[in-house]
N, C-alpha and C. Protein backbone atom coordinates (compact mmCIF):
# COMPACT_ATOMS: atom_id res chain seq x y z
N MET A 1 21.20 -12.47 -5.65
CA MET A 1 20.99 -12.75 -7.37
C MET A 1 20.81 -11.49 -7.90
N GLY A 2 21.93 -12.08 -9.11
CA GLY A 2 21.64 -10.45 -9.68
C GLY A 2 21.02 -9.97 -10.88
N GLY A 3 21.04 -8.89 -11.13
CA GLY A 3 20.48 -8.59 -12.09
C GLY A 3 19.06 -8.21 -12.19
N ARG A 4 18.28 -8.33 -10.76
CA ARG A 4 17.20 -7.54 -10.49
C ARG A 4 17.32 -6.01 -10.39
N ASN A 5 16.22 -5.53 -10.86
CA ASN A 5 15.99 -4.59 -11.08
C ASN A 5 14.73 -3.79 -10.34
N TYR A 6 14.49 -1.94 -10.51
CA TYR A 6 13.33 -2.06 -9.72
C TYR A 6 11.79 -2.43 -10.20
N TRP A 7 11.50 -3.28 -11.31
CA TRP A 7 10.29 -3.77 -11.74
C TRP A 7 10.48 -4.78 -10.47
N HIS A 8 11.55 -5.64 -10.50
CA HIS A 8 11.40 -7.02 -9.65
C HIS A 8 11.03 -6.23 -7.93
N VAL A 9 11.34 -5.05 -7.71
CA VAL A 9 10.77 -4.35 -6.31
C VAL A 9 9.58 -4.58 -6.63
N TYR A 10 9.05 -3.67 -7.75
CA TYR A 10 7.77 -3.28 -7.46
C TYR A 10 6.71 -4.59 -7.34
N ASN A 11 7.17 -5.86 -8.49
CA ASN A 11 6.41 -6.82 -8.35
C ASN A 11 6.28 -7.52 -7.43
N TRP A 12 7.52 -7.68 -6.48
CA TRP A 12 7.39 -8.17 -5.21
C TRP A 12 6.50 -7.29 -3.82
N LEU A 13 6.94 -5.90 -4.16
CA LEU A 13 5.69 -5.44 -3.41
C LEU A 13 4.43 -5.82 -3.32
N ARG A 14 3.86 -5.64 -5.04
CA ARG A 14 2.71 -6.07 -5.50
C ARG A 14 2.31 -7.76 -4.85
N GLN A 15 3.08 -8.26 -5.36
CA GLN A 15 3.29 -10.21 -4.68
C GLN A 15 1.81 -10.09 -3.01
N TYR A 16 3.35 -9.30 -2.71
CA TYR A 16 2.96 -9.19 -1.16
C TYR A 16 2.17 -8.15 -0.81
N TYR A 17 1.15 -7.19 -1.24
CA TYR A 17 -0.15 -6.13 -0.94
C TYR A 17 -1.33 -7.34 -1.43
N LEU A 18 -1.01 -8.52 -2.53
CA LEU A 18 -1.97 -9.38 -3.03
C LEU A 18 -2.15 -10.39 -1.63
N ALA A 19 -1.05 -10.49 -1.38
CA ALA A 19 -1.50 -11.34 -0.12
C ALA A 19 -1.74 -11.24 1.30
N THR A 20 -1.28 -10.19 1.64
CA THR A 20 -1.60 -9.83 3.01
C THR A 20 -2.44 -8.39 3.22
N GLY A 21 -2.75 -8.15 1.85
CA GLY A 21 -3.77 -6.52 1.68
C GLY A 21 -3.00 -5.41 2.78
N ALA A 22 -1.56 -5.56 3.03
CA ALA A 22 -1.08 -4.33 3.50
C ALA A 22 0.90 -4.28 2.83
N ALA A 23 1.03 -2.83 2.74
CA ALA A 23 2.04 -2.50 1.99
C ALA A 23 3.25 -3.27 3.06
N ALA A 24 4.22 -3.99 2.30
CA ALA A 24 5.17 -4.36 2.95
C ALA A 24 6.67 -2.93 3.71
N GLU A 25 7.23 -3.45 4.94
CA GLU A 25 7.68 -1.92 5.56
C GLU A 25 9.08 -2.26 4.53
N ARG A 26 9.76 -0.81 4.84
CA ARG A 26 10.95 -0.61 4.05
C ARG A 26 11.98 -1.74 4.52
N MET A 27 12.21 -2.10 6.03
CA MET A 27 13.34 -2.88 6.07
C MET A 27 12.96 -4.10 5.90
N ASP A 28 12.02 -4.52 5.19
CA ASP A 28 11.60 -5.87 5.21
C ASP A 28 12.33 -5.95 3.13
N LEU A 29 11.63 -4.51 2.47
CA LEU A 29 12.24 -4.98 1.37
C LEU A 29 14.08 -4.54 0.98
N LEU A 30 14.78 -3.94 2.06
CA LEU A 30 15.90 -3.82 2.41
C LEU A 30 16.96 -5.21 2.61
N ALA A 31 16.09 -6.32 3.23
CA ALA A 31 16.54 -7.45 3.75
C ALA A 31 16.20 -8.65 2.05
N GLU A 32 15.03 -8.06 1.70
CA GLU A 32 14.67 -9.39 0.32
C GLU A 32 16.20 -8.69 -1.20
N PHE A 33 15.93 -7.18 -0.85
CA PHE A 33 17.11 -6.43 -2.23
C PHE A 33 17.94 -5.81 -1.05
N ALA A 34 18.35 -6.89 -0.29
CA ALA A 34 20.10 -6.15 0.26
C ALA A 34 20.98 -6.05 -1.42
N GLU A 35 21.17 -6.41 -1.83
CA GLU A 35 21.72 -6.24 -3.62
C GLU A 35 21.88 -4.99 -3.83
N GLN A 36 20.48 -4.22 -3.89
CA GLN A 36 20.09 -3.40 -4.89
C GLN A 36 20.34 -2.60 -4.40
N GLU A 37 20.97 -1.02 -5.55
CA GLU A 37 21.21 0.46 -4.68
C GLU A 37 19.79 0.96 -4.28
N SER A 38 19.74 1.75 -3.23
CA SER A 38 19.01 2.07 -3.11
C SER A 38 18.10 3.09 -3.77
N GLY A 39 18.66 3.63 -4.64
CA GLY A 39 17.51 4.33 -6.10
C GLY A 39 16.62 3.02 -6.57
N GLU A 40 16.99 1.84 -6.65
CA GLU A 40 16.40 1.00 -7.53
C GLU A 40 15.24 0.86 -6.63
N ILE A 41 15.28 0.27 -5.42
CA ILE A 41 14.71 -0.01 -3.85
C ILE A 41 13.72 1.32 -4.60
N ASP A 42 13.66 2.72 -4.31
CA ASP A 42 12.98 4.10 -4.53
C ASP A 42 12.17 3.94 -5.57
N GLU A 43 12.79 3.72 -6.75
CA GLU A 43 11.87 3.60 -8.02
C GLU A 43 11.03 2.52 -8.05
N GLY A 44 11.28 1.24 -7.68
CA GLY A 44 10.18 0.29 -7.04
C GLY A 44 8.87 0.51 -6.76
N ILE A 45 9.56 1.59 -5.33
CA ILE A 45 8.31 1.34 -4.46
C ILE A 45 7.38 2.49 -5.13
N ALA A 46 7.87 3.75 -5.65
CA ALA A 46 7.29 4.93 -6.48
C ALA A 46 6.35 3.91 -7.36
N GLU A 47 6.70 3.14 -8.35
CA GLU A 47 6.02 2.28 -8.94
C GLU A 47 4.77 1.71 -8.93
N PHE A 48 5.15 1.24 -7.54
CA PHE A 48 4.20 0.55 -6.83
C PHE A 48 2.60 1.58 -6.34
N GLU A 49 3.73 2.19 -5.65
CA GLU A 49 2.83 3.71 -5.40
C GLU A 49 1.63 4.20 -6.19
N LEU A 50 2.17 4.52 -7.23
CA LEU A 50 1.26 5.10 -8.18
C LEU A 50 0.61 4.13 -8.88
N ALA A 51 1.02 2.86 -8.61
CA ALA A 51 -0.21 1.87 -8.97
C ALA A 51 -1.46 1.62 -8.43
N ILE A 52 -1.53 1.69 -7.05
CA ILE A 52 -2.41 1.32 -6.04
C ILE A 52 -3.00 2.43 -5.65
N GLY A 53 -2.65 3.84 -6.18
CA GLY A 53 -2.92 4.94 -5.77
C GLY A 53 -2.74 5.98 -4.64
N LYS A 54 -1.75 5.62 -4.26
CA LYS A 54 -1.23 5.68 -3.18
C LYS A 54 -0.56 7.48 -3.12
N ARG A 55 -0.39 7.39 -4.85
CA ARG A 55 1.04 8.73 -5.28
C ARG A 55 0.33 9.00 -6.18
N LYS A 56 0.85 10.43 -6.80
CA LYS A 56 0.08 11.04 -8.07
C LYS A 56 1.42 10.96 -8.55
N LYS A 57 1.16 10.58 -10.10
CA LYS A 57 2.61 11.32 -11.15
C LYS A 57 3.13 12.37 -10.80
N GLY A 58 4.01 12.46 -11.02
CA GLY A 58 5.08 13.91 -10.88
C GLY A 58 5.52 13.96 -9.26
N ALA A 59 4.93 13.10 -7.84
CA ALA A 59 5.84 13.00 -6.82
C ALA A 59 6.53 12.58 -6.18
N VAL A 60 7.47 12.84 -5.47
CA VAL A 60 8.27 12.19 -5.69
C VAL A 60 8.77 11.23 -3.77
N PRO A 61 9.47 10.65 -3.48
CA PRO A 61 9.77 9.86 -2.20
C PRO A 61 9.44 11.09 -0.60
N ASP A 62 10.20 12.65 -1.16
CA ASP A 62 9.77 13.60 0.20
C ASP A 62 8.47 14.03 0.41
N GLY A 63 7.56 13.56 -0.34
CA GLY A 63 6.27 14.37 -0.33
C GLY A 63 6.09 15.12 -0.85
N LYS A 64 7.23 16.29 -1.65
CA LYS A 64 7.12 17.47 -2.22
C LYS A 64 6.75 17.17 -4.15
N GLU A 65 6.42 18.13 -4.67
CA GLU A 65 5.71 17.84 -6.09
C GLU A 65 6.46 18.83 -6.35
N HIS A 66 7.49 18.25 -7.18
CA HIS A 66 8.48 19.05 -8.21
C HIS A 66 8.25 19.66 -9.14
N THR A 67 8.37 21.07 -9.46
CA THR A 67 7.86 21.65 -10.68
C THR A 67 9.14 21.82 -11.45
N GLN A 68 9.27 22.37 -13.29
CA GLN A 68 10.18 22.68 -14.06
C GLN A 68 11.44 23.28 -13.40
N ALA A 69 10.81 24.42 -12.29
CA ALA A 69 11.88 25.03 -11.87
C ALA A 69 12.82 24.22 -10.69
N ASP A 70 12.46 23.41 -10.45
CA ASP A 70 13.29 22.54 -9.40
C ASP A 70 14.61 21.81 -10.19
C-alpha cells in the first residue's frame, strides 16, 4: 500500500489499543507497515504515546529529553 504516513501508524496503534487494551508490539507494526520508513513508524509511535500519556512532549524514543543545546 502506498501513500501511508505516520498518521496511519498512529491510527492503527490507537485502534489496536482500543480493541485490546494493550499497546501493539513493534514487530506487529513492522509487519503491518513494512513499506514505511522506520522514521515514519517512530513518529507514529511518538504521537500515540503522547496521546495516551506514556510520553511527555519533547521526549524522544531513546528516553532522553533533548535540550536546546542538543
